[in-house]
N, C-alpha and C. Protein backbone atom coordinates (compact mmCIF):
# COMPACT_ATOMS: atom_id res chain seq x y z
N UNK A 1 58.41 32.84 71.08
CA UNK A 1 57.83 32.09 72.19
C UNK A 1 58.96 31.57 73.08
N UNK A 2 58.86 31.85 74.40
CA UNK A 2 59.87 31.39 75.34
C UNK A 2 59.57 29.97 75.77
N UNK A 3 60.59 29.11 75.73
CA UNK A 3 60.44 27.72 76.16
C UNK A 3 60.23 27.70 77.67
N UNK A 4 59.10 27.17 78.13
CA UNK A 4 58.80 27.14 79.56
C UNK A 4 59.04 25.77 80.19
N UNK A 5 59.74 24.89 79.47
CA UNK A 5 60.02 23.57 80.03
C UNK A 5 61.01 23.67 81.18
N UNK A 6 61.86 24.70 81.16
CA UNK A 6 62.79 24.97 82.26
C UNK A 6 62.38 26.29 82.88
N UNK A 7 62.11 26.25 84.19
CA UNK A 7 61.57 27.42 84.86
C UNK A 7 62.60 28.18 85.69
N UNK A 8 63.77 27.57 85.93
CA UNK A 8 64.72 28.16 86.86
C UNK A 8 65.23 29.53 86.41
N UNK A 9 65.37 29.73 85.11
CA UNK A 9 65.95 30.98 84.65
C UNK A 9 64.92 31.86 83.93
N UNK A 10 63.63 31.64 84.23
CA UNK A 10 62.60 32.50 83.66
C UNK A 10 62.34 33.68 84.59
N UNK A 11 62.02 34.81 84.00
CA UNK A 11 61.71 36.00 84.79
C UNK A 11 60.56 36.73 84.11
N UNK A 12 59.63 37.23 84.91
CA UNK A 12 58.44 37.92 84.41
C UNK A 12 58.53 39.39 84.79
N UNK A 13 58.28 40.25 83.84
CA UNK A 13 58.26 41.68 84.11
C UNK A 13 57.09 41.99 85.03
N UNK A 14 57.34 42.72 86.11
CA UNK A 14 56.30 43.03 87.08
C UNK A 14 55.32 44.09 86.58
N UNK A 15 55.67 44.77 85.48
CA UNK A 15 54.82 45.83 84.96
C UNK A 15 53.94 45.37 83.81
N UNK A 16 54.52 44.65 82.85
CA UNK A 16 53.74 44.29 81.65
C UNK A 16 53.59 42.78 81.47
N UNK A 17 54.13 41.98 82.41
CA UNK A 17 53.99 40.52 82.40
C UNK A 17 54.71 39.84 81.23
N UNK A 18 55.63 40.53 80.60
CA UNK A 18 56.44 39.89 79.55
C UNK A 18 57.34 38.83 80.19
N UNK A 19 57.49 37.69 79.49
CA UNK A 19 58.26 36.57 80.01
C UNK A 19 59.60 36.48 79.29
N UNK A 20 60.68 36.32 80.07
CA UNK A 20 62.02 36.25 79.49
C UNK A 20 62.78 35.09 80.10
N UNK A 21 63.77 34.61 79.33
CA UNK A 21 64.76 33.70 79.87
C UNK A 21 66.01 34.53 80.08
N UNK A 22 66.42 34.67 81.32
CA UNK A 22 67.50 35.59 81.65
C UNK A 22 68.70 34.82 82.16
N UNK A 23 69.86 35.26 81.79
CA UNK A 23 71.10 34.70 82.33
C UNK A 23 71.59 35.61 83.46
N UNK A 24 72.51 35.11 84.25
CA UNK A 24 73.03 35.88 85.38
C UNK A 24 73.78 37.11 84.88
N UNK A 25 73.28 38.32 85.16
CA UNK A 25 74.01 39.51 84.73
C UNK A 25 75.31 39.67 85.51
N UNK A 26 76.28 40.29 84.89
CA UNK A 26 77.51 40.61 85.60
C UNK A 26 77.25 41.74 86.58
N UNK A 27 78.17 41.90 87.55
CA UNK A 27 78.04 43.00 88.50
C UNK A 27 78.02 44.32 87.74
N UNK A 28 77.02 45.14 88.04
CA UNK A 28 76.92 46.42 87.38
C UNK A 28 76.06 46.40 86.14
N UNK A 29 75.79 45.21 85.58
CA UNK A 29 74.92 45.12 84.41
C UNK A 29 73.45 45.15 84.85
N UNK A 30 72.60 45.58 83.95
CA UNK A 30 71.18 45.70 84.24
C UNK A 30 70.39 44.99 83.15
N UNK A 31 69.47 44.10 83.55
CA UNK A 31 68.55 43.45 82.62
C UNK A 31 67.25 44.26 82.60
N UNK A 32 66.86 44.72 81.41
CA UNK A 32 65.72 45.61 81.27
C UNK A 32 64.68 44.98 80.34
N UNK A 33 63.41 45.15 80.68
CA UNK A 33 62.32 44.66 79.84
C UNK A 33 62.34 45.39 78.50
N UNK A 34 62.32 44.63 77.40
CA UNK A 34 62.36 45.24 76.07
C UNK A 34 61.05 45.93 75.73
N UNK A 35 59.97 45.54 76.42
CA UNK A 35 58.65 46.11 76.09
C UNK A 35 58.40 47.42 76.83
N UNK A 36 58.61 47.44 78.16
CA UNK A 36 58.28 48.63 78.94
C UNK A 36 59.47 49.25 79.64
N UNK A 37 60.65 48.64 79.47
CA UNK A 37 61.91 49.18 80.01
C UNK A 37 62.00 49.15 81.54
N UNK A 38 61.19 48.30 82.17
CA UNK A 38 61.31 48.09 83.61
C UNK A 38 62.56 47.28 83.91
N UNK A 39 63.27 47.64 84.97
CA UNK A 39 64.47 46.90 85.37
C UNK A 39 64.06 45.55 85.93
N UNK A 40 64.59 44.48 85.34
CA UNK A 40 64.26 43.12 85.77
C UNK A 40 65.27 42.58 86.77
N UNK A 41 66.53 42.85 86.53
CA UNK A 41 67.60 42.38 87.41
C UNK A 41 68.76 43.36 87.33
N UNK A 42 69.31 43.68 88.52
CA UNK A 42 70.42 44.64 88.57
C UNK A 42 71.31 44.31 89.75
N UNK A 43 72.13 43.24 89.63
CA UNK A 43 73.03 42.87 90.73
C UNK A 43 74.01 43.99 91.03
N UNK A 44 74.27 44.20 92.31
CA UNK A 44 75.21 45.24 92.74
C UNK A 44 76.20 44.65 93.73
N UNK A 45 77.43 45.11 93.67
CA UNK A 45 78.45 44.67 94.62
C UNK A 45 78.09 45.17 96.01
N UNK A 46 78.18 44.29 97.01
CA UNK A 46 77.91 44.62 98.41
C UNK A 46 76.49 45.15 98.61
N UNK A 47 75.57 44.72 97.76
CA UNK A 47 74.19 45.21 97.86
C UNK A 47 73.55 44.78 99.18
N UNK A 48 73.83 43.55 99.63
CA UNK A 48 73.23 43.05 100.87
C UNK A 48 73.63 43.93 102.05
N UNK A 49 74.91 44.30 102.12
CA UNK A 49 75.38 45.16 103.22
C UNK A 49 74.68 46.51 103.17
N UNK A 50 74.56 47.08 101.99
CA UNK A 50 73.93 48.39 101.85
C UNK A 50 72.45 48.33 102.23
N UNK A 51 71.77 47.27 101.78
CA UNK A 51 70.33 47.15 102.07
C UNK A 51 70.09 46.93 103.55
N UNK A 52 70.90 46.08 104.19
CA UNK A 52 70.73 45.82 105.62
C UNK A 52 71.02 47.09 106.42
N UNK A 53 72.06 47.83 106.04
CA UNK A 53 72.36 49.08 106.74
C UNK A 53 71.19 50.06 106.63
N UNK A 54 70.63 50.17 105.44
CA UNK A 54 69.47 51.03 105.25
C UNK A 54 68.26 50.52 106.02
N UNK A 55 68.09 49.20 106.07
CA UNK A 55 66.96 48.62 106.78
C UNK A 55 67.06 48.88 108.29
N UNK A 56 68.26 48.76 108.84
CA UNK A 56 68.44 49.04 110.27
C UNK A 56 68.14 50.50 110.56
N UNK A 57 68.65 51.40 109.72
CA UNK A 57 68.37 52.83 109.89
C UNK A 57 66.87 53.10 109.77
N UNK A 58 66.22 52.43 108.82
CA UNK A 58 64.78 52.60 108.64
C UNK A 58 64.01 52.15 109.87
N UNK A 59 64.41 51.01 110.44
CA UNK A 59 63.73 50.49 111.63
C UNK A 59 63.86 51.46 112.81
N UNK A 60 65.05 52.03 112.98
CA UNK A 60 65.27 53.00 114.06
C UNK A 60 64.40 54.24 113.85
N UNK A 61 64.33 54.69 112.59
CA UNK A 61 63.53 55.88 112.29
C UNK A 61 62.04 55.62 112.50
N UNK A 62 61.58 54.41 112.19
CA UNK A 62 60.17 54.09 112.39
C UNK A 62 59.81 54.17 113.87
N UNK A 63 60.67 53.62 114.72
CA UNK A 63 60.42 53.66 116.17
C UNK A 63 60.44 55.11 116.66
N UNK A 64 61.47 55.86 116.23
CA UNK A 64 61.56 57.26 116.65
C UNK A 64 60.40 58.09 116.17
N UNK A 65 59.98 57.85 114.92
CA UNK A 65 58.86 58.62 114.35
C UNK A 65 57.56 58.34 115.08
N UNK A 66 57.46 57.19 115.72
CA UNK A 66 56.22 56.84 116.44
C UNK A 66 56.13 57.51 117.80
N UNK A 67 57.26 57.70 118.47
CA UNK A 67 57.23 58.16 119.86
C UNK A 67 57.59 59.64 120.04
N UNK A 68 58.38 60.20 119.14
CA UNK A 68 58.75 61.61 119.27
C UNK A 68 57.61 62.50 118.75
N UNK A 69 57.56 63.75 119.21
CA UNK A 69 56.50 64.67 118.73
C UNK A 69 56.55 64.83 117.22
N UNK A 70 55.37 64.71 116.59
CA UNK A 70 55.29 64.85 115.14
C UNK A 70 55.12 66.32 114.73
N UNK A 71 54.32 67.04 115.49
CA UNK A 71 54.13 68.45 115.19
C UNK A 71 53.66 69.19 116.44
N UNK A 72 53.81 70.50 116.37
CA UNK A 72 53.36 71.39 117.46
C UNK A 72 52.49 72.48 116.84
N UNK A 73 51.28 72.60 117.35
CA UNK A 73 50.34 73.59 116.82
C UNK A 73 50.04 74.62 117.91
N UNK A 74 50.13 75.88 117.53
CA UNK A 74 49.85 76.97 118.47
C UNK A 74 48.78 77.87 117.89
N UNK A 75 47.70 78.09 118.66
CA UNK A 75 46.60 78.97 118.26
C UNK A 75 46.21 79.84 119.45
N UNK A 76 46.25 81.15 119.27
CA UNK A 76 45.83 82.06 120.34
C UNK A 76 46.63 81.90 121.61
N UNK A 77 47.90 81.60 121.48
CA UNK A 77 48.76 81.45 122.65
C UNK A 77 48.71 80.10 123.31
N UNK A 78 47.84 79.23 122.84
CA UNK A 78 47.75 77.87 123.38
C UNK A 78 48.44 76.92 122.42
N UNK A 79 49.41 76.15 122.93
CA UNK A 79 50.19 75.25 122.08
C UNK A 79 50.04 73.82 122.55
N UNK A 80 50.17 72.91 121.61
CA UNK A 80 50.09 71.48 121.93
C UNK A 80 50.96 70.70 120.96
N UNK A 81 51.73 69.77 121.49
CA UNK A 81 52.58 68.91 120.67
C UNK A 81 52.12 67.48 120.84
N UNK A 82 52.15 66.72 119.76
CA UNK A 82 51.66 65.33 119.81
C UNK A 82 52.49 64.45 118.89
N UNK A 83 52.63 63.21 119.31
CA UNK A 83 53.30 62.21 118.48
C UNK A 83 52.26 61.47 117.66
N UNK A 84 52.72 60.63 116.75
CA UNK A 84 51.80 59.83 115.94
C UNK A 84 50.97 58.91 116.84
N UNK A 85 51.60 58.34 117.85
CA UNK A 85 50.87 57.46 118.76
C UNK A 85 49.84 58.23 119.57
N UNK A 86 50.21 59.45 120.00
CA UNK A 86 49.26 60.28 120.75
C UNK A 86 48.02 60.57 119.91
N UNK A 87 48.25 60.91 118.64
CA UNK A 87 47.14 61.23 117.76
C UNK A 87 46.25 60.00 117.53
N UNK A 88 46.88 58.84 117.39
CA UNK A 88 46.09 57.63 117.16
C UNK A 88 45.26 57.28 118.40
N UNK A 89 45.83 57.46 119.59
CA UNK A 89 45.08 57.17 120.82
C UNK A 89 43.87 58.09 120.96
N UNK A 90 44.00 59.32 120.47
CA UNK A 90 42.90 60.27 120.59
C UNK A 90 41.68 59.84 119.79
N UNK A 91 41.89 59.08 118.74
CA UNK A 91 40.77 58.63 117.89
C UNK A 91 40.44 57.16 118.11
N UNK A 92 41.06 56.56 119.12
CA UNK A 92 40.88 55.12 119.35
C UNK A 92 39.59 54.90 120.13
N UNK A 93 38.47 55.02 119.43
CA UNK A 93 37.18 54.86 120.09
C UNK A 93 36.11 54.60 119.04
N UNK A 94 35.20 53.71 119.34
CA UNK A 94 34.07 53.44 118.47
C UNK A 94 34.47 52.92 117.10
N UNK A 95 33.75 53.43 116.09
CA UNK A 95 33.97 52.95 114.73
C UNK A 95 35.35 53.38 114.18
N UNK A 96 35.93 54.41 114.78
CA UNK A 96 37.24 54.88 114.29
C UNK A 96 38.37 53.93 114.68
N UNK A 97 38.10 53.01 115.60
CA UNK A 97 39.14 52.10 116.05
C UNK A 97 39.72 51.29 114.89
N UNK A 98 38.84 50.77 114.03
CA UNK A 98 39.30 49.97 112.90
C UNK A 98 40.16 50.82 111.96
N UNK A 99 39.72 52.04 111.72
CA UNK A 99 40.48 52.94 110.84
C UNK A 99 41.83 53.28 111.44
N UNK A 100 41.87 53.52 112.75
CA UNK A 100 43.13 53.83 113.42
C UNK A 100 44.09 52.66 113.34
N UNK A 101 43.57 51.45 113.60
CA UNK A 101 44.43 50.26 113.55
C UNK A 101 44.98 50.05 112.15
N UNK A 102 44.13 50.22 111.14
CA UNK A 102 44.58 50.07 109.75
C UNK A 102 45.64 51.10 109.40
N UNK A 103 45.42 52.34 109.82
CA UNK A 103 46.38 53.41 109.51
C UNK A 103 47.72 53.17 110.19
N UNK A 104 47.67 52.85 111.48
CA UNK A 104 48.91 52.61 112.22
C UNK A 104 49.66 51.40 111.66
N UNK A 105 48.90 50.42 111.21
CA UNK A 105 49.54 49.23 110.62
C UNK A 105 50.29 49.60 109.36
N UNK A 106 49.67 50.41 108.50
CA UNK A 106 50.27 50.74 107.21
C UNK A 106 51.45 51.69 107.33
N UNK A 107 51.44 52.57 108.33
CA UNK A 107 52.53 53.55 108.42
C UNK A 107 53.60 53.16 109.43
N UNK A 108 53.30 52.21 110.32
CA UNK A 108 54.29 51.83 111.33
C UNK A 108 54.53 50.31 111.37
N UNK A 109 53.48 49.54 111.66
CA UNK A 109 53.65 48.11 111.91
C UNK A 109 54.13 47.36 110.68
N UNK A 110 53.46 47.55 109.54
CA UNK A 110 53.85 46.81 108.33
C UNK A 110 55.23 47.22 107.82
N UNK A 111 55.56 48.53 107.75
CA UNK A 111 56.93 48.88 107.35
C UNK A 111 57.99 48.30 108.29
N UNK A 112 57.69 48.30 109.61
CA UNK A 112 58.65 47.74 110.57
C UNK A 112 58.80 46.23 110.37
N UNK A 113 57.67 45.54 110.16
CA UNK A 113 57.72 44.09 109.94
C UNK A 113 58.48 43.76 108.66
N UNK A 114 58.18 44.48 107.59
CA UNK A 114 58.85 44.24 106.31
C UNK A 114 60.35 44.50 106.43
N UNK A 115 60.72 45.56 107.14
CA UNK A 115 62.13 45.88 107.33
C UNK A 115 62.82 44.78 108.13
N UNK A 116 62.16 44.30 109.18
CA UNK A 116 62.73 43.21 109.97
C UNK A 116 62.93 41.94 109.16
N UNK A 117 61.97 41.63 108.30
CA UNK A 117 62.09 40.44 107.45
C UNK A 117 63.25 40.57 106.47
N UNK A 118 63.45 41.75 105.91
CA UNK A 118 64.57 41.97 104.98
C UNK A 118 65.89 41.78 105.70
N UNK A 119 65.99 42.30 106.92
CA UNK A 119 67.21 42.10 107.70
C UNK A 119 67.44 40.62 107.97
N UNK A 120 66.38 39.91 108.33
CA UNK A 120 66.47 38.48 108.61
C UNK A 120 66.97 37.70 107.39
N UNK A 121 66.49 38.09 106.21
CA UNK A 121 66.85 37.37 104.99
C UNK A 121 68.28 37.69 104.53
N UNK A 122 68.67 38.95 104.57
CA UNK A 122 69.93 39.37 103.95
C UNK A 122 71.12 39.41 104.89
N UNK A 123 70.89 39.50 106.19
CA UNK A 123 72.01 39.61 107.13
C UNK A 123 73.02 38.47 107.00
N UNK A 124 72.60 37.20 106.84
CA UNK A 124 73.60 36.13 106.71
C UNK A 124 74.50 36.28 105.49
N UNK A 125 74.00 36.87 104.40
CA UNK A 125 74.82 37.02 103.20
C UNK A 125 76.00 37.96 103.43
N UNK A 126 75.87 38.88 104.38
CA UNK A 126 76.94 39.84 104.65
C UNK A 126 78.16 39.13 105.20
N UNK A 127 77.93 38.11 106.04
CA UNK A 127 79.04 37.40 106.69
C UNK A 127 79.27 36.04 106.04
N UNK A 128 78.76 35.87 104.81
CA UNK A 128 78.96 34.62 104.06
C UNK A 128 78.47 33.39 104.82
N UNK A 129 77.32 33.51 105.43
CA UNK A 129 76.70 32.40 106.14
C UNK A 129 75.49 31.90 105.34
N UNK A 130 75.10 30.62 105.56
CA UNK A 130 73.91 30.11 104.87
C UNK A 130 72.67 30.89 105.29
N UNK A 131 71.68 30.88 104.42
CA UNK A 131 70.42 31.55 104.73
C UNK A 131 69.78 30.93 105.97
N UNK A 132 69.11 31.76 106.75
CA UNK A 132 68.45 31.29 107.97
C UNK A 132 67.20 30.49 107.62
N UNK A 133 66.74 29.64 108.53
CA UNK A 133 65.52 28.86 108.27
C UNK A 133 64.33 29.75 107.95
N UNK A 134 63.59 29.37 106.94
CA UNK A 134 62.42 30.13 106.56
C UNK A 134 62.71 31.41 105.82
N UNK A 135 63.95 31.57 105.32
CA UNK A 135 64.33 32.82 104.67
C UNK A 135 63.51 33.08 103.41
N UNK A 136 63.26 32.02 102.64
CA UNK A 136 62.49 32.22 101.41
C UNK A 136 61.05 32.64 101.72
N UNK A 137 60.45 32.02 102.72
CA UNK A 137 59.09 32.41 103.12
C UNK A 137 59.07 33.84 103.65
N UNK A 138 60.11 34.20 104.40
CA UNK A 138 60.20 35.55 104.96
C UNK A 138 60.32 36.59 103.84
N UNK A 139 61.14 36.29 102.83
CA UNK A 139 61.30 37.25 101.74
C UNK A 139 60.02 37.34 100.90
N UNK A 140 59.33 36.22 100.76
CA UNK A 140 58.07 36.23 100.02
C UNK A 140 57.05 37.14 100.74
N UNK A 141 56.97 37.02 102.06
CA UNK A 141 56.06 37.86 102.83
C UNK A 141 56.47 39.33 102.71
N UNK A 142 57.79 39.60 102.78
CA UNK A 142 58.28 40.97 102.66
C UNK A 142 57.88 41.59 101.33
N UNK A 143 57.95 40.80 100.26
CA UNK A 143 57.56 41.30 98.95
C UNK A 143 56.06 41.53 98.86
N UNK A 144 55.28 40.65 99.48
CA UNK A 144 53.83 40.80 99.46
C UNK A 144 53.37 42.00 100.29
N UNK A 145 54.14 42.36 101.32
CA UNK A 145 53.78 43.49 102.17
C UNK A 145 54.17 44.83 101.57
N UNK A 146 54.97 44.81 100.54
CA UNK A 146 55.49 46.06 99.98
C UNK A 146 54.40 47.06 99.61
N UNK A 147 53.32 46.65 98.94
CA UNK A 147 52.29 47.65 98.59
C UNK A 147 51.55 48.22 99.80
N UNK A 148 51.63 47.52 100.94
CA UNK A 148 50.89 47.94 102.12
C UNK A 148 51.73 48.75 103.10
N UNK A 149 53.01 48.89 102.84
CA UNK A 149 53.90 49.70 103.68
C UNK A 149 53.87 51.13 103.17
N UNK A 150 53.16 52.01 103.86
CA UNK A 150 52.88 53.34 103.31
C UNK A 150 53.41 54.46 104.19
N UNK A 151 54.53 54.25 104.87
CA UNK A 151 55.09 55.29 105.72
C UNK A 151 55.47 56.53 104.91
N UNK A 152 56.05 56.32 103.74
CA UNK A 152 56.46 57.45 102.91
C UNK A 152 55.26 58.21 102.36
N UNK A 153 54.17 57.49 102.03
CA UNK A 153 52.97 58.15 101.53
C UNK A 153 52.33 58.98 102.64
N UNK A 154 52.38 58.46 103.87
CA UNK A 154 51.87 59.21 105.02
C UNK A 154 52.64 60.51 105.21
N UNK A 155 53.96 60.45 105.11
CA UNK A 155 54.79 61.64 105.29
C UNK A 155 54.46 62.70 104.25
N UNK A 156 54.33 62.28 102.98
CA UNK A 156 54.01 63.22 101.91
C UNK A 156 52.62 63.81 102.11
N UNK A 157 51.65 62.96 102.47
CA UNK A 157 50.29 63.45 102.70
C UNK A 157 50.22 64.44 103.84
N UNK A 158 50.97 64.17 104.92
CA UNK A 158 50.98 65.09 106.05
C UNK A 158 51.59 66.43 105.67
N UNK A 159 52.66 66.39 104.89
CA UNK A 159 53.32 67.63 104.47
C UNK A 159 52.35 68.51 103.69
N UNK A 160 51.59 67.90 102.79
CA UNK A 160 50.61 68.66 102.00
C UNK A 160 49.51 69.22 102.91
N UNK A 161 49.02 68.41 103.84
CA UNK A 161 47.94 68.85 104.73
C UNK A 161 48.39 69.98 105.65
N UNK A 162 49.61 69.86 106.17
CA UNK A 162 50.10 70.87 107.10
C UNK A 162 50.33 72.20 106.42
N UNK A 163 50.73 72.17 105.16
CA UNK A 163 50.89 73.42 104.41
C UNK A 163 49.55 74.14 104.30
N UNK A 164 48.46 73.37 104.13
CA UNK A 164 47.14 73.96 103.96
C UNK A 164 46.60 74.59 105.25
N UNK A 165 47.02 74.05 106.42
CA UNK A 165 46.51 74.61 107.68
C UNK A 165 47.47 75.62 108.29
N UNK A 166 48.57 75.91 107.60
CA UNK A 166 49.56 76.85 108.13
C UNK A 166 48.96 78.24 108.31
N UNK A 167 47.95 78.59 107.50
CA UNK A 167 47.32 79.91 107.61
C UNK A 167 46.37 80.00 108.81
N UNK A 168 45.96 78.85 109.34
CA UNK A 168 45.00 78.84 110.44
C UNK A 168 45.68 78.79 111.80
N UNK A 169 46.89 78.29 111.84
CA UNK A 169 47.60 78.16 113.11
C UNK A 169 49.10 78.15 112.85
N UNK A 170 49.84 78.37 113.91
CA UNK A 170 51.30 78.31 113.80
C UNK A 170 51.73 76.85 113.98
N UNK A 171 52.24 76.29 112.92
CA UNK A 171 52.60 74.87 112.92
C UNK A 171 54.11 74.73 112.92
N UNK A 172 54.60 73.92 113.83
CA UNK A 172 56.04 73.64 113.90
C UNK A 172 56.24 72.14 113.76
N UNK A 173 57.07 71.75 112.83
CA UNK A 173 57.35 70.33 112.63
C UNK A 173 58.24 69.81 113.75
N UNK A 174 57.83 68.66 114.31
CA UNK A 174 58.61 68.04 115.36
C UNK A 174 59.64 67.07 114.81
N UNK A 175 60.44 66.46 115.69
CA UNK A 175 61.48 65.51 115.25
C UNK A 175 60.91 64.35 114.43
N UNK A 176 59.71 63.88 114.80
CA UNK A 176 59.13 62.73 114.10
C UNK A 176 58.83 63.06 112.64
N UNK A 177 58.43 64.31 112.36
CA UNK A 177 58.15 64.68 110.98
C UNK A 177 59.40 64.56 110.13
N UNK A 178 60.52 65.05 110.65
CA UNK A 178 61.78 64.98 109.89
C UNK A 178 62.28 63.55 109.79
N UNK A 179 61.96 62.74 110.80
CA UNK A 179 62.31 61.31 110.72
C UNK A 179 61.53 60.64 109.59
N UNK A 180 60.25 60.99 109.48
CA UNK A 180 59.45 60.44 108.37
C UNK A 180 60.00 60.91 107.02
N UNK A 181 60.46 62.16 106.97
CA UNK A 181 61.03 62.68 105.73
C UNK A 181 62.28 61.90 105.33
N UNK A 182 63.16 61.67 106.30
CA UNK A 182 64.36 60.88 106.03
C UNK A 182 63.99 59.44 105.69
N UNK A 183 62.97 58.93 106.40
CA UNK A 183 62.50 57.56 106.16
C UNK A 183 62.04 57.40 104.72
N UNK A 184 61.36 58.39 104.18
CA UNK A 184 60.91 58.35 102.80
C UNK A 184 62.08 58.20 101.84
N UNK A 185 63.13 58.97 102.10
CA UNK A 185 64.32 58.92 101.23
C UNK A 185 65.00 57.55 101.34
N UNK A 186 65.11 57.03 102.57
CA UNK A 186 65.78 55.74 102.76
C UNK A 186 65.02 54.61 102.09
N UNK A 187 63.69 54.65 102.13
CA UNK A 187 62.89 53.60 101.50
C UNK A 187 63.10 53.61 99.99
N UNK A 188 63.15 54.81 99.40
CA UNK A 188 63.38 54.90 97.96
C UNK A 188 64.76 54.37 97.60
N UNK A 189 65.77 54.72 98.39
CA UNK A 189 67.14 54.24 98.13
C UNK A 189 67.22 52.73 98.30
N UNK A 190 66.55 52.22 99.33
CA UNK A 190 66.57 50.77 99.57
C UNK A 190 65.95 50.02 98.40
N UNK A 191 64.84 50.52 97.88
CA UNK A 191 64.21 49.88 96.72
C UNK A 191 65.12 49.95 95.49
N UNK A 192 65.90 51.02 95.41
CA UNK A 192 66.82 51.17 94.29
C UNK A 192 67.90 50.10 94.34
N UNK A 193 68.38 49.79 95.54
CA UNK A 193 69.44 48.80 95.71
C UNK A 193 68.93 47.37 95.66
N UNK A 194 67.64 47.18 95.99
CA UNK A 194 67.10 45.83 96.09
C UNK A 194 66.87 45.21 94.72
N UNK A 195 67.53 44.10 94.47
CA UNK A 195 67.31 43.33 93.25
C UNK A 195 66.67 42.01 93.67
N UNK A 196 65.35 41.93 93.55
CA UNK A 196 64.62 40.75 94.03
C UNK A 196 65.10 39.49 93.32
N UNK A 197 65.39 39.59 92.03
CA UNK A 197 65.84 38.42 91.28
C UNK A 197 67.14 37.87 91.86
N UNK A 198 68.06 38.75 92.23
CA UNK A 198 69.34 38.31 92.81
C UNK A 198 69.13 37.66 94.17
N UNK A 199 68.21 38.23 94.97
CA UNK A 199 67.93 37.66 96.29
C UNK A 199 67.33 36.26 96.15
N UNK A 200 66.37 36.10 95.23
CA UNK A 200 65.76 34.79 95.03
C UNK A 200 66.81 33.78 94.56
N UNK A 201 67.69 34.18 93.67
CA UNK A 201 68.73 33.28 93.20
C UNK A 201 69.66 32.86 94.34
N UNK A 202 70.03 33.83 95.19
CA UNK A 202 70.91 33.51 96.31
C UNK A 202 70.22 32.57 97.28
N UNK A 203 68.93 32.80 97.53
CA UNK A 203 68.20 31.91 98.46
C UNK A 203 68.03 30.52 97.87
N UNK A 204 67.79 30.44 96.57
CA UNK A 204 67.62 29.14 95.92
C UNK A 204 68.89 28.31 95.97
N UNK A 205 70.04 28.97 95.95
CA UNK A 205 71.31 28.24 95.95
C UNK A 205 71.74 27.83 97.34
N UNK A 206 71.12 28.42 98.40
CA UNK A 206 71.56 28.14 99.75
C UNK A 206 70.52 27.43 100.61
N UNK A 207 69.30 27.36 100.14
CA UNK A 207 68.26 26.71 100.93
C UNK A 207 67.65 25.59 100.13
N UNK A 208 67.21 24.53 100.80
CA UNK A 208 66.59 23.41 100.08
C UNK A 208 65.26 23.81 99.50
N UNK A 209 64.81 23.08 98.47
CA UNK A 209 63.52 23.36 97.84
C UNK A 209 62.39 23.07 98.81
């Protein structure tokens, strides 16, 4: 039984809810759940710089993926190229409006917002400055938005769908498709570098309760 009278150094596994009392791992060390082997804490040297760099690149790719042509379809000599925004505008009518807004939010707006919040929280750590006002609230929102940021799922789903229609028309991937592909890789790498426990500890030491 873990003593819960002191809460500062308690950590809960996000997968199996096992409760641990954890000490600060050394750089390069990894704290792993003994029950399900989920990584609990993994501090990395210069992690803030790496995450912010990835976040900035991700934000640029999100904007580019929204405005550049996503694909070009040619059937019977007639071709048409469209961006993600063009496609969303085409369905922006009637009952589909809610669906379009929800889809655009999950693949563009929420990932962009979450990326901006991560930059806001971690950028001061790069230059050894105190955390900005509201940093803890911003990081909490960023963590809560994580399940709703689905840009990478959209890219994978589109790739599967386009393969299925390749026999019906000549499909050419546009710049935005490749941006989404790179975006998927960057998001995975960013999550690999992100140690939420280390970020919370850093914010707790630099911001008032």
